[in-house]
Amino acid sequence: MVIQIKTDYIISPTKGDYALIDHIEAIPSVAYCYRAQLIENSLSEALITLCKEYQECIDAFSILLADEIEREISAYQLCLKYNNSKLFDLKVYDHYVTFFTKYRTADGLLDDYRW
């Protein structure tokens, strides 16, 4: 999936979290990975913390803990509002975000979580 609309909202239809993002650009060296400028951040501290903890578990090769956290993140059903695409592996920084539009597994890329 190629992102067509360069200004969009990251939304959680189940939790009400959202963030306005702009200048969505593909990261050329990584398939289905994007970076965008963070314009307005109304993502909950709980979600941001889960995303950070997930990344820390991945970095520490703590896959079982990462899976548990990822299940909690999946409850948010994060997606791009106007591009009509689910998103995965969200990383939130001060002025930008990165994310994937495919779910990465050892067996390849999927359109959704395995569960």
PDB file of N, CA and C in Angstrom:
ATOM      1  N   MET A   1       0.828  -1.180   0.000  1.00  0.00           N
ATOM      2  CA  MET A   1       0.000   0.000   0.000  1.00  0.00           C
ATOM      3  C   MET A   1       0.872   1.242   0.000  1.00  0.00           C
ATOM      4  N   VAL A   2       0.583   2.145  -0.874  1.00  0.00           N
ATOM      5  CA  VAL A   2       1.298   3.414  -0.946  1.00  0.00           C
ATOM      6  C   VAL A   2       0.400   4.499  -0.356  1.00  0.00           C
ATOM      7  N   ILE A   3       0.972   5.309   0.509  1.00  0.00           N
ATOM      8  CA  ILE A   3       0.228   6.408   1.120  1.00  0.00           C
ATOM      9  C   ILE A   3      -0.004   7.483   0.059  1.00  0.00           C
ATOM     10  N   GLN A   4      -1.261   7.812  -0.195  1.00  0.00           N
ATOM     11  CA  GLN A   4      -1.604   8.807  -1.212  1.00  0.00           C
ATOM     12  C   GLN A   4      -1.789  10.201  -0.617  1.00  0.00           C
ATOM     13  N   ILE A   5      -2.458  10.264   0.517  1.00  0.00           N
ATOM     14  CA  ILE A   5      -2.773  11.546   1.152  1.00  0.00           C
ATOM     15  C   ILE A   5      -1.671  11.851   2.159  1.00  0.00           C
ATOM     16  N   LYS A   6      -1.023  12.989   2.008  1.00  0.00           N
ATOM     17  CA  LYS A   6       0.172  13.298   2.800  1.00  0.00           C
ATOM     18  C   LYS A   6      -0.117  13.986   4.133  1.00  0.00           C
ATOM     19  N   THR A   7      -1.355  14.369   4.382  1.00  0.00           N
ATOM     20  CA  THR A   7      -1.780  14.883   5.685  1.00  0.00           C
ATOM     21  C   THR A   7      -2.920  13.993   6.154  1.00  0.00           C
ATOM     22  N   ASP A   8      -2.818  13.478   7.355  1.00  0.00           N
ATOM     23  CA  ASP A   8      -3.802  12.500   7.812  1.00  0.00           C
ATOM     24  C   ASP A   8      -3.864  12.516   9.338  1.00  0.00           C
ATOM     25  N   TYR A   9      -4.768  11.722   9.862  1.00  0.00           N
ATOM     26  CA  TYR A   9      -4.873  11.512  11.302  1.00  0.00           C
ATOM     27  C   TYR A   9      -4.557  10.063  11.616  1.00  0.00           C
ATOM     28  N   ILE A  10      -3.739   9.841  12.633  1.00  0.00           N
ATOM     29  CA  ILE A  10      -3.637   8.526  13.246  1.00  0.00           C
ATOM     30  C   ILE A  10      -4.781   8.495  14.248  1.00  0.00           C
ATOM     31  N   ILE A  11      -5.644   7.498  14.126  1.00  0.00           N
ATOM     32  CA  ILE A  11      -6.789   7.440  15.039  1.00  0.00           C
ATOM     33  C   ILE A  11      -6.903   6.061  15.682  1.00  0.00           C
ATOM     34  N   SER A  12      -7.540   6.050  16.825  1.00  0.00           N
ATOM     35  CA  SER A  12      -7.939   4.822  17.495  1.00  0.00           C
ATOM     36  C   SER A  12      -9.458   4.858  17.601  1.00  0.00           C
ATOM     37  N   PRO A  13     -10.159   4.120  16.740  1.00  0.00           N
ATOM     38  CA  PRO A  13     -11.618   4.138  16.802  1.00  0.00           C
ATOM     39  C   PRO A  13     -12.172   3.538  18.097  1.00  0.00           C
ATOM     40  N   THR A  14     -11.376   2.749  18.801  1.00  0.00           N
ATOM     41  CA  THR A  14     -11.846   2.112  20.027  1.00  0.00           C
ATOM     42  C   THR A  14     -11.533   2.911  21.284  1.00  0.00           C
ATOM     43  N   LYS A  15     -10.486   3.726  21.254  1.00  0.00           N
ATOM     44  CA  LYS A  15     -10.050   4.431  22.465  1.00  0.00           C
ATOM     45  C   LYS A  15     -10.166   5.952  22.363  1.00  0.00           C
ATOM     46  N   GLY A  16     -10.343   6.483  21.157  1.00  0.00           N
ATOM     47  CA  GLY A  16     -10.496   7.925  20.993  1.00  0.00           C
ATOM     48  C   GLY A  16      -9.199   8.700  20.842  1.00  0.00           C
ATOM     49  N   ASP A  17      -8.071   8.027  20.874  1.00  0.00           N
ATOM     50  CA  ASP A  17      -6.784   8.704  20.682  1.00  0.00           C
ATOM     51  C   ASP A  17      -6.661   9.165  19.232  1.00  0.00           C
ATOM     52  N   TYR A  18      -5.928  10.263  19.023  1.00  0.00           N
ATOM     53  CA  TYR A  18      -5.644  10.697  17.655  1.00  0.00           C
ATOM     54  C   TYR A  18      -4.410  11.587  17.627  1.00  0.00           C
ATOM     55  N   ALA A  19      -3.854  11.704  16.434  1.00  0.00           N
ATOM     56  CA  ALA A  19      -2.737  12.623  16.199  1.00  0.00           C
ATOM     57  C   ALA A  19      -2.822  13.095  14.758  1.00  0.00           C
ATOM     58  N   LEU A  20      -2.666  14.384  14.554  1.00  0.00           N
ATOM     59  CA  LEU A  20      -2.612  14.950  13.209  1.00  0.00           C
ATOM     60  C   LEU A  20      -1.170  14.876  12.734  1.00  0.00           C
ATOM     61  N   ILE A  21      -0.972  14.285  11.556  1.00  0.00           N
ATOM     62  CA  ILE A  21       0.372  14.167  10.987  1.00  0.00           C
ATOM     63  C   ILE A  21       0.395  14.761   9.587  1.00  0.00           C
ATOM     64  N   ASP A  22       1.573  15.205   9.175  1.00  0.00           N
ATOM     65  CA  ASP A  22       1.737  15.868   7.879  1.00  0.00           C
ATOM     66  C   ASP A  22       3.059  15.423   7.266  1.00  0.00           C
ATOM     67  N   HIS A  23       3.207  15.675   5.973  1.00  0.00           N
ATOM     68  CA  HIS A  23       4.433  15.318   5.244  1.00  0.00           C
ATOM     69  C   HIS A  23       4.762  13.836   5.419  1.00  0.00           C
ATOM     70  N   ILE A  24       3.776  12.989   5.208  1.00  0.00           N
ATOM     71  CA  ILE A  24       3.998  11.547   5.324  1.00  0.00           C
ATOM     72  C   ILE A  24       4.900  11.114   4.172  1.00  0.00           C
ATOM     73  N   GLU A  25       6.031  10.501   4.520  1.00  0.00           N
ATOM     74  CA  GLU A  25       7.006  10.072   3.514  1.00  0.00           C
ATOM     75  C   GLU A  25       7.417   8.634   3.776  1.00  0.00           C
ATOM     76  N   ALA A  26       7.560   7.869   2.706  1.00  0.00           N
ATOM     77  CA  ALA A  26       8.075   6.509   2.830  1.00  0.00           C
ATOM     78  C   ALA A  26       9.552   6.569   3.193  1.00  0.00           C
ATOM     79  N   ILE A  27       9.982   5.652   4.026  1.00  0.00           N
ATOM     80  CA  ILE A  27      11.409   5.503   4.312  1.00  0.00           C
ATOM     81  C   ILE A  27      11.935   4.539   3.260  1.00  0.00           C
ATOM     82  N   PRO A  28      12.757   5.020   2.331  1.00  0.00           N
ATOM     83  CA  PRO A  28      13.122   4.236   1.148  1.00  0.00           C
ATOM     84  C   PRO A  28      13.749   2.871   1.428  1.00  0.00           C
ATOM     85  N   SER A  29      14.505   2.748   2.472  1.00  0.00           N
ATOM     86  CA  SER A  29      15.237   1.505   2.719  1.00  0.00           C
ATOM     87  C   SER A  29      14.426   0.445   3.468  1.00  0.00           C
ATOM     88  N   VAL A  30      13.194   0.783   3.878  1.00  0.00           N
ATOM     89  CA  VAL A  30      12.388  -0.148   4.677  1.00  0.00           C
ATOM     90  C   VAL A  30      10.975  -0.221   4.087  1.00  0.00           C
ATOM     91  N   ALA A  31      10.595  -1.395   3.624  1.00  0.00           N
ATOM     92  CA  ALA A  31       9.279  -1.573   2.997  1.00  0.00           C
ATOM     93  C   ALA A  31       8.144  -1.267   3.969  1.00  0.00           C
ATOM     94  N   TYR A  32       7.162  -0.522   3.491  1.00  0.00           N
ATOM     95  CA  TYR A  32       5.944  -0.185   4.230  1.00  0.00           C
ATOM     96  C   TYR A  32       6.198   0.622   5.499  1.00  0.00           C
ATOM     97  N   CYS A  33       7.329   1.293   5.569  1.00  0.00           N
ATOM     98  CA  CYS A  33       7.658   2.119   6.727  1.00  0.00           C
ATOM     99  C   CYS A  33       7.567   3.590   6.333  1.00  0.00           C
ATOM    100  N   TYR A  34       6.972   4.392   7.215  1.00  0.00           N
ATOM    101  CA  TYR A  34       6.747   5.806   6.933  1.00  0.00           C
ATOM    102  C   TYR A  34       7.175   6.670   8.112  1.00  0.00           C
ATOM    103  N   ARG A  35       7.481   7.900   7.778  1.00  0.00           N
ATOM    104  CA  ARG A  35       7.809   8.927   8.770  1.00  0.00           C
ATOM    105  C   ARG A  35       6.908  10.116   8.463  1.00  0.00           C
ATOM    106  N   ALA A  36       6.441  10.794   9.518  1.00  0.00           N
ATOM    107  CA  ALA A  36       5.574  11.956   9.325  1.00  0.00           C
ATOM    108  C   ALA A  36       5.818  12.971  10.428  1.00  0.00           C
ATOM    109  N   GLN A  37       5.610  14.218  10.074  1.00  0.00           N
ATOM    110  CA  GLN A  37       5.718  15.305  11.047  1.00  0.00           C
ATOM    111  C   GLN A  37       4.491  15.261  11.953  1.00  0.00           C
ATOM    112  N   LEU A  38       4.715  15.384  13.244  1.00  0.00           N
ATOM    113  CA  LEU A  38       3.641  15.373  14.230  1.00  0.00           C
ATOM    114  C   LEU A  38       3.162  16.802  14.447  1.00  0.00           C
ATOM    115  N   ILE A  39       1.932  17.093  14.029  1.00  0.00           N
ATOM    116  CA  ILE A  39       1.372  18.442  14.120  1.00  0.00           C
ATOM    117  C   ILE A  39       0.606  18.627  15.428  1.00  0.00           C
ATOM    118  N   GLU A  40      -0.263  17.678  15.725  1.00  0.00           N
ATOM    119  CA  GLU A  40      -1.066  17.737  16.955  1.00  0.00           C
ATOM    120  C   GLU A  40      -1.082  16.348  17.578  1.00  0.00           C
ATOM    121  N   ASN A  41      -0.676  16.256  18.819  1.00  0.00           N
ATOM    122  CA  ASN A  41      -0.590  14.962  19.476  1.00  0.00           C
ATOM    123  C   ASN A  41      -1.632  14.847  20.584  1.00  0.00           C
ATOM    124  N   SER A  42      -2.680  14.083  20.308  1.00  0.00           N
ATOM    125  CA  SER A  42      -3.676  13.778  21.331  1.00  0.00           C
ATOM    126  C   SER A  42      -3.720  12.273  21.584  1.00  0.00           C
ATOM    127  N   LEU A  43      -2.554  11.647  21.437  1.00  0.00           N
ATOM    128  CA  LEU A  43      -2.429  10.239  21.785  1.00  0.00           C
ATOM    129  C   LEU A  43      -2.288  10.156  23.303  1.00  0.00           C
ATOM    130  N   SER A  44      -2.921   9.184  23.896  1.00  0.00           N
ATOM    131  CA  SER A  44      -2.871   9.059  25.356  1.00  0.00           C
ATOM    132  C   SER A  44      -1.468   8.682  25.818  1.00  0.00           C
ATOM    133  N   GLU A  45      -1.167   9.097  27.022  1.00  0.00           N
ATOM    134  CA  GLU A  45       0.124   8.733  27.619  1.00  0.00           C
ATOM    135  C   GLU A  45       0.233   7.217  27.744  1.00  0.00           C
ATOM    136  N   ALA A  46      -0.904   6.552  27.979  1.00  0.00           N
ATOM    137  CA  ALA A  46      -0.908   5.086  28.079  1.00  0.00           C
ATOM    138  C   ALA A  46      -0.446   4.448  26.774  1.00  0.00           C
ATOM    139  N   LEU A  47      -0.959   4.922  25.641  1.00  0.00           N
ATOM    140  CA  LEU A  47      -0.559   4.376  24.346  1.00  0.00           C
ATOM    141  C   LEU A  47       0.911   4.673  24.065  1.00  0.00           C
ATOM    142  N   ILE A  48       1.340   5.891  24.295  1.00  0.00           N
ATOM    143  CA  ILE A  48       2.736   6.257  24.043  1.00  0.00           C
ATOM    144  C   ILE A  48       3.668   5.395  24.894  1.00  0.00           C
ATOM    145  N   THR A  49       3.296   5.181  26.146  1.00  0.00           N
ATOM    146  CA  THR A  49       4.104   4.338  27.035  1.00  0.00           C
ATOM    147  C   THR A  49       4.146   2.900  26.532  1.00  0.00           C
ATOM    148  N   LEU A  50       3.010   2.366  26.104  1.00  0.00           N
ATOM    149  CA  LEU A  50       2.986   1.011  25.546  1.00  0.00           C
ATOM    150  C   LEU A  50       3.901   0.897  24.331  1.00  0.00           C
ATOM    151  N   CYS A  51       3.868   1.887  23.461  1.00  0.00           N
ATOM    152  CA  CYS A  51       4.719   1.870  22.264  1.00  0.00           C
ATOM    153  C   CYS A  51       6.199   1.888  22.644  1.00  0.00           C
ATOM    154  N   LYS A  52       6.557   2.701  23.638  1.00  0.00           N
ATOM    155  CA  LYS A  52       7.953   2.750  24.105  1.00  0.00           C
ATOM    156  C   LYS A  52       8.361   1.424  24.742  1.00  0.00           C
ATOM    157  N   GLU A  53       7.504   0.881  25.591  1.00  0.00           N
ATOM    158  CA  GLU A  53       7.811  -0.389  26.246  1.00  0.00           C
ATOM    159  C   GLU A  53       7.942  -1.520  25.233  1.00  0.00           C
ATOM    160  N   TYR A  54       7.098  -1.505  24.218  1.00  0.00           N
ATOM    161  CA  TYR A  54       7.181  -2.515  23.164  1.00  0.00           C
ATOM    162  C   TYR A  54       8.547  -2.457  22.494  1.00  0.00           C
ATOM    163  N   GLN A  55       8.982  -1.260  22.130  1.00  0.00           N
ATOM    164  CA  GLN A  55      10.273  -1.113  21.466  1.00  0.00           C
ATOM    165  C   GLN A  55      11.422  -1.538  22.378  1.00  0.00           C
ATOM    166  N   GLU A  56      11.338  -1.205  23.660  1.00  0.00           N
ATOM    167  CA  GLU A  56      12.367  -1.626  24.618  1.00  0.00           C
ATOM    168  C   GLU A  56      12.442  -3.151  24.702  1.00  0.00           C
ATOM    169  N   CYS A  57      11.301  -3.819  24.678  1.00  0.00           N
ATOM    170  CA  CYS A  57      11.286  -5.284  24.706  1.00  0.00           C
ATOM    171  C   CYS A  57      11.903  -5.875  23.443  1.00  0.00           C
ATOM    172  N   ILE A  58      11.596  -5.293  22.306  1.00  0.00           N
ATOM    173  CA  ILE A  58      12.180  -5.757  21.048  1.00  0.00           C
ATOM    174  C   ILE A  58      13.692  -5.579  21.088  1.00  0.00           C
ATOM    175  N   ASP A  59      14.142  -4.405  21.527  1.00  0.00           N
ATOM    176  CA  ASP A  59      15.581  -4.133  21.602  1.00  0.00           C
ATOM    177  C   ASP A  59      16.291  -5.092  22.556  1.00  0.00           C
ATOM    178  N   ALA A  60      15.589  -5.533  23.601  1.00  0.00           N
ATOM    179  CA  ALA A  60      16.175  -6.434  24.600  1.00  0.00           C
ATOM    180  C   ALA A  60      15.924  -7.914  24.264  1.00  0.00           C
ATOM    181  N   PHE A  61      15.351  -8.194  23.094  1.00  0.00           N
ATOM    182  CA  PHE A  61      15.030  -9.554  22.658  1.00  0.00           C
ATOM    183  C   PHE A  61      14.095 -10.265  23.641  1.00  0.00           C
ATOM    184  N   SER A  62      13.206  -9.511  24.257  1.00  0.00           N
ATOM    185  CA  SER A  62      12.219 -10.065  25.182  1.00  0.00           C
ATOM    186  C   SER A  62      10.904 -10.240  24.422  1.00  0.00           C
ATOM    187  N   ILE A  63      10.867 -11.250  23.588  1.00  0.00           N
ATOM    188  CA  ILE A  63       9.766 -11.434  22.645  1.00  0.00           C
ATOM    189  C   ILE A  63       8.440 -11.731  23.350  1.00  0.00           C
ATOM    190  N   LEU A  64       8.465 -12.529  24.407  1.00  0.00           N
ATOM    191  CA  LEU A  64       7.211 -12.844  25.107  1.00  0.00           C
ATOM    192  C   LEU A  64       6.575 -11.597  25.702  1.00  0.00           C
ATOM    193  N   LEU A  65       7.384 -10.757  26.336  1.00  0.00           N
ATOM    194  CA  LEU A  65       6.852  -9.499  26.869  1.00  0.00           C
ATOM    195  C   LEU A  65       6.374  -8.592  25.744  1.00  0.00           C
ATOM    196  N   ALA A  66       7.139  -8.544  24.657  1.00  0.00           N
ATOM    197  CA  ALA A  66       6.749  -7.719  23.505  1.00  0.00           C
ATOM    198  C   ALA A  66       5.392  -8.164  22.967  1.00  0.00           C
ATOM    199  N   ASP A  67       5.160  -9.474  22.898  1.00  0.00           N
ATOM    200  CA  ASP A  67       3.875  -9.987  22.412  1.00  0.00           C
ATOM    201  C   ASP A  67       2.719  -9.544  23.305  1.00  0.00           C
ATOM    202  N   GLU A  68       2.923  -9.576  24.617  1.00  0.00           N
ATOM    203  CA  GLU A  68       1.878  -9.138  25.546  1.00  0.00           C
ATOM    204  C   GLU A  68       1.552  -7.656  25.353  1.00  0.00           C
ATOM    205  N   ILE A  69       2.590  -6.849  25.233  1.00  0.00           N
ATOM    206  CA  ILE A  69       2.389  -5.407  25.043  1.00  0.00           C
ATOM    207  C   ILE A  69       1.735  -5.140  23.696  1.00  0.00           C
ATOM    208  N   GLU A  70       2.169  -5.878  22.687  1.00  0.00           N
ATOM    209  CA  GLU A  70       1.602  -5.699  21.350  1.00  0.00           C
ATOM    210  C   GLU A  70       0.107  -6.014  21.337  1.00  0.00           C
ATOM    211  N   ARG A  71      -0.318  -6.986  22.108  1.00  0.00           N
ATOM    212  CA  ARG A  71      -1.750  -7.295  22.207  1.00  0.00           C
ATOM    213  C   ARG A  71      -2.510  -6.112  22.809  1.00  0.00           C
ATOM    214  N   GLU A  72      -1.905  -5.456  23.792  1.00  0.00           N
ATOM    215  CA  GLU A  72      -2.536  -4.268  24.379  1.00  0.00           C
ATOM    216  C   GLU A  72      -2.614  -3.141  23.352  1.00  0.00           C
ATOM    217  N   ILE A  73      -1.545  -2.952  22.591  1.00  0.00           N
ATOM    218  CA  ILE A  73      -1.538  -1.913  21.551  1.00  0.00           C
ATOM    219  C   ILE A  73      -2.587  -2.227  20.488  1.00  0.00           C
ATOM    220  N   SER A  74      -2.732  -3.495  20.136  1.00  0.00           N
ATOM    221  CA  SER A  74      -3.682  -3.868  19.076  1.00  0.00           C
ATOM    222  C   SER A  74      -5.117  -3.511  19.446  1.00  0.00           C
ATOM    223  N   ALA A  75      -5.422  -3.411  20.738  1.00  0.00           N
ATOM    224  CA  ALA A  75      -6.773  -3.030  21.173  1.00  0.00           C
ATOM    225  C   ALA A  75      -7.126  -1.608  20.734  1.00  0.00           C
ATOM    226  N   TYR A  76      -6.120  -0.797  20.437  1.00  0.00           N
ATOM    227  CA  TYR A  76      -6.361   0.570  19.964  1.00  0.00           C
ATOM    228  C   TYR A  76      -6.791   0.596  18.492  1.00  0.00           C
ATOM    229  N   GLN A  77      -6.545  -0.473  17.755  1.00  0.00           N
ATOM    230  CA  GLN A  77      -6.899  -0.568  16.330  1.00  0.00           C
ATOM    231  C   GLN A  77      -6.418   0.662  15.558  1.00  0.00           C
ATOM    232  N   LEU A  78      -5.164   1.015  15.727  1.00  0.00           N
ATOM    233  CA  LEU A  78      -4.613   2.226  15.113  1.00  0.00           C
ATOM    234  C   LEU A  78      -4.703   2.176  13.596  1.00  0.00           C
ATOM    235  N   CYS A  79      -5.087   3.309  13.021  1.00  0.00           N
ATOM    236  CA  CYS A  79      -5.195   3.393  11.568  1.00  0.00           C
ATOM    237  C   CYS A  79      -5.036   4.843  11.112  1.00  0.00           C
ATOM    238  N   LEU A  80      -4.847   4.989   9.813  1.00  0.00           N
ATOM    239  CA  LEU A  80      -4.820   6.309   9.192  1.00  0.00           C
ATOM    240  C   LEU A  80      -6.228   6.598   8.688  1.00  0.00           C
ATOM    241  N   LYS A  81      -6.792   7.703   9.114  1.00  0.00           N
ATOM    242  CA  LYS A  81      -8.191   8.028   8.821  1.00  0.00           C
ATOM    243  C   LYS A  81      -8.456   8.173   7.326  1.00  0.00           C
ATOM    244  N   TYR A  82      -7.709   9.019   6.634  1.00  0.00           N
ATOM    245  CA  TYR A  82      -8.006   9.320   5.229  1.00  0.00           C
ATOM    246  C   TYR A  82      -7.355   8.342   4.262  1.00  0.00           C
ATOM    247  N   ASN A  83      -6.228   7.784   4.624  1.00  0.00           N
ATOM    248  CA  ASN A  83      -5.579   6.801   3.762  1.00  0.00           C
ATOM    249  C   ASN A  83      -6.169   5.407   3.941  1.00  0.00           C
ATOM    250  N   ASN A  84      -7.075   5.270   4.922  1.00  0.00           N
ATOM    251  CA  ASN A  84      -7.783   4.011   5.149  1.00  0.00           C
ATOM    252  C   ASN A  84      -6.820   2.828   5.248  1.00  0.00           C
ATOM    253  N   SER A  85      -5.851   2.968   6.141  1.00  0.00           N
ATOM    254  CA  SER A  85      -4.837   1.937   6.309  1.00  0.00           C
ATOM    255  C   SER A  85      -4.573   1.703   7.790  1.00  0.00           C
ATOM    256  N   LYS A  86      -4.475   0.443   8.175  1.00  0.00           N
ATOM    257  CA  LYS A  86      -4.068   0.129   9.545  1.00  0.00           C
ATOM    258  C   LYS A  86      -2.601   0.491   9.698  1.00  0.00           C
ATOM    259  N   LEU A  87      -2.186   0.731  10.946  1.00  0.00           N
ATOM    260  CA  LEU A  87      -0.759   0.970  11.153  1.00  0.00           C
ATOM    261  C   LEU A  87      -0.248   0.208  12.354  1.00  0.00           C
ATOM    262  N   PHE A  88       1.040  -0.087  12.289  1.00  0.00           N
ATOM    263  CA  PHE A  88       1.692  -0.964  13.252  1.00  0.00           C
ATOM    264  C   PHE A  88       3.033  -0.364  13.658  1.00  0.00           C
ATOM    265  N   ASP A  89       3.530  -0.828  14.784  1.00  0.00           N
ATOM    266  CA  ASP A  89       4.867  -0.448  15.265  1.00  0.00           C
ATOM    267  C   ASP A  89       5.044   1.071  15.300  1.00  0.00           C
ATOM    268  N   LEU A  90       4.079   1.742  15.900  1.00  0.00           N
ATOM    269  CA  LEU A  90       4.113   3.200  16.012  1.00  0.00           C
ATOM    270  C   LEU A  90       5.203   3.626  16.988  1.00  0.00           C
ATOM    271  N   LYS A  91       6.011   4.575  16.562  1.00  0.00           N
ATOM    272  CA  LYS A  91       7.011   5.195  17.431  1.00  0.00           C
ATOM    273  C   LYS A  91       6.725   6.693  17.441  1.00  0.00           C
ATOM    274  N   VAL A  92       6.601   7.255  18.636  1.00  0.00           N
ATOM    275  CA  VAL A  92       6.255   8.667  18.795  1.00  0.00           C
ATOM    276  C   VAL A  92       7.459   9.407  19.364  1.00  0.00           C
ATOM    277  N   TYR A  93       7.895  10.419  18.636  1.00  0.00           N
ATOM    278  CA  TYR A  93       9.003  11.272  19.061  1.00  0.00           C
ATOM    279  C   TYR A  93       8.449  12.674  19.319  1.00  0.00           C
ATOM    280  N   ASP A  94       9.302  13.612  19.672  1.00  0.00           N
ATOM    281  CA  ASP A  94       8.833  14.969  19.981  1.00  0.00           C
ATOM    282  C   ASP A  94       8.101  15.629  18.813  1.00  0.00           C
ATOM    283  N   HIS A  95       8.676  15.537  17.613  1.00  0.00           N
ATOM    284  CA  HIS A  95       8.122  16.275  16.475  1.00  0.00           C
ATOM    285  C   HIS A  95       7.769  15.398  15.275  1.00  0.00           C
ATOM    286  N   TYR A  96       7.922  14.088  15.418  1.00  0.00           N
ATOM    287  CA  TYR A  96       7.583  13.207  14.304  1.00  0.00           C
ATOM    288  C   TYR A  96       7.207  11.824  14.818  1.00  0.00           C
ATOM    289  N   VAL A  97       6.649  11.025  13.926  1.00  0.00           N
ATOM    290  CA  VAL A  97       6.299   9.636  14.223  1.00  0.00           C
ATOM    291  C   VAL A  97       6.830   8.752  13.103  1.00  0.00           C
ATOM    292  N   THR A  98       7.019   7.484  13.411  1.00  0.00           N
ATOM    293  CA  THR A  98       7.283   6.486  12.382  1.00  0.00           C
ATOM    294  C   THR A  98       6.298   5.340  12.605  1.00  0.00           C
ATOM    295  N   PHE A  99       5.984   4.638  11.527  1.00  0.00           N
ATOM    296  CA  PHE A  99       5.037   3.528  11.620  1.00  0.00           C
ATOM    297  C   PHE A  99       5.137   2.676  10.369  1.00  0.00           C
ATOM    298  N   PHE A 100       4.537   1.498  10.440  1.00  0.00           N
ATOM    299  CA  PHE A 100       4.440   0.588   9.304  1.00  0.00           C
ATOM    300  C   PHE A 100       2.971   0.443   8.922  1.00  0.00           C
ATOM    301  N   THR A 101       2.720   0.182   7.642  1.00  0.00           N
ATOM    302  CA  THR A 101       1.353  -0.078   7.192  1.00  0.00           C
ATOM    303  C   THR A 101       1.112  -1.568   6.965  1.00  0.00           C
ATOM    304  N   LYS A 102       2.098  -2.372   7.268  1.00  0.00           N
ATOM    305  CA  LYS A 102       1.973  -3.833   7.256  1.00  0.00           C
ATOM    306  C   LYS A 102       2.509  -4.347   8.585  1.00  0.00           C
ATOM    307  N   TYR A 103       1.977  -5.468   9.035  1.00  0.00           N
ATOM    308  CA  TYR A 103       2.420  -6.093  10.273  1.00  0.00           C
ATOM    309  C   TYR A 103       3.591  -7.013   9.949  1.00  0.00           C
ATOM    310  N   ARG A 104       4.723  -6.752  10.580  1.00  0.00           N
ATOM    311  CA  ARG A 104       5.935  -7.525  10.295  1.00  0.00           C
ATOM    312  C   ARG A 104       5.997  -8.779  11.164  1.00  0.00           C
ATOM    313  N   THR A 105       6.262  -9.912  10.519  1.00  0.00           N
ATOM    314  CA  THR A 105       6.460 -11.177  11.230  1.00  0.00           C
ATOM    315  C   THR A 105       7.707 -11.842  10.668  1.00  0.00           C
ATOM    316  N   ALA A 106       8.151 -12.897  11.331  1.00  0.00           N
ATOM    317  CA  ALA A 106       9.295 -13.662  10.829  1.00  0.00           C
ATOM    318  C   ALA A 106       8.956 -14.333   9.502  1.00  0.00           C
ATOM    319  N   ASP A 107       7.668 -14.554   9.264  1.00  0.00           N
ATOM    320  CA  ASP A 107       7.225 -15.213   8.035  1.00  0.00           C
ATOM    321  C   ASP A 107       6.868 -14.242   6.917  1.00  0.00           C
ATOM    322  N   GLY A 108       7.010 -12.951   7.162  1.00  0.00           N
ATOM    323  CA  GLY A 108       6.696 -11.964   6.131  1.00  0.00           C
ATOM    324  C   GLY A 108       5.766 -10.882   6.654  1.00  0.00           C
ATOM    325  N   LEU A 109       5.194 -10.143   5.730  1.00  0.00           N
ATOM    326  CA  LEU A 109       4.332  -9.010   6.062  1.00  0.00           C
ATOM    327  C   LEU A 109       2.862  -9.405   5.961  1.00  0.00           C
ATOM    328  N   LEU A 110       2.078  -8.959   6.946  1.00  0.00           N
ATOM    329  CA  LEU A 110       0.643  -9.255   6.973  1.00  0.00           C
ATOM    330  C   LEU A 110      -0.155  -7.961   6.996  1.00  0.00           C
ATOM    331  N   ASP A 111      -1.421  -8.043   6.624  1.00  0.00           N
ATOM    332  CA  ASP A 111      -2.300  -6.874   6.639  1.00  0.00           C
ATOM    333  C   ASP A 111      -2.859  -6.572   8.026  1.00  0.00           C
ATOM    334  N   ASP A 112      -2.752  -7.535   8.940  1.00  0.00           N
ATOM    335  CA  ASP A 112      -3.292  -7.336  10.287  1.00  0.00           C
ATOM    336  C   ASP A 112      -2.521  -8.220  11.265  1.00  0.00           C
ATOM    337  N   TYR A 113      -2.815  -8.037  12.538  1.00  0.00           N
ATOM    338  CA  TYR A 113      -2.191  -8.866  13.564  1.00  0.00           C
ATOM    339  C   TYR A 113      -2.560 -10.328  13.348  1.00  0.00           C
ATOM    340  N   ARG A 114      -1.763 -11.225  13.894  1.00  0.00           N
ATOM    341  CA  ARG A 114      -1.988 -12.664  13.724  1.00  0.00           C
ATOM    342  C   ARG A 114      -3.194 -13.165  14.504  1.00  0.00           C
ATOM    343  N   TRP A 115      -3.627 -12.460  15.525  1.00  0.00           N
ATOM    344  CA  TRP A 115      -4.712 -12.971  16.369  1.00  0.00           C
ATOM    345  C   TRP A 115      -6.028 -12.425  15.963  1.00  0.00           C
TER     346      TRP A 115
END
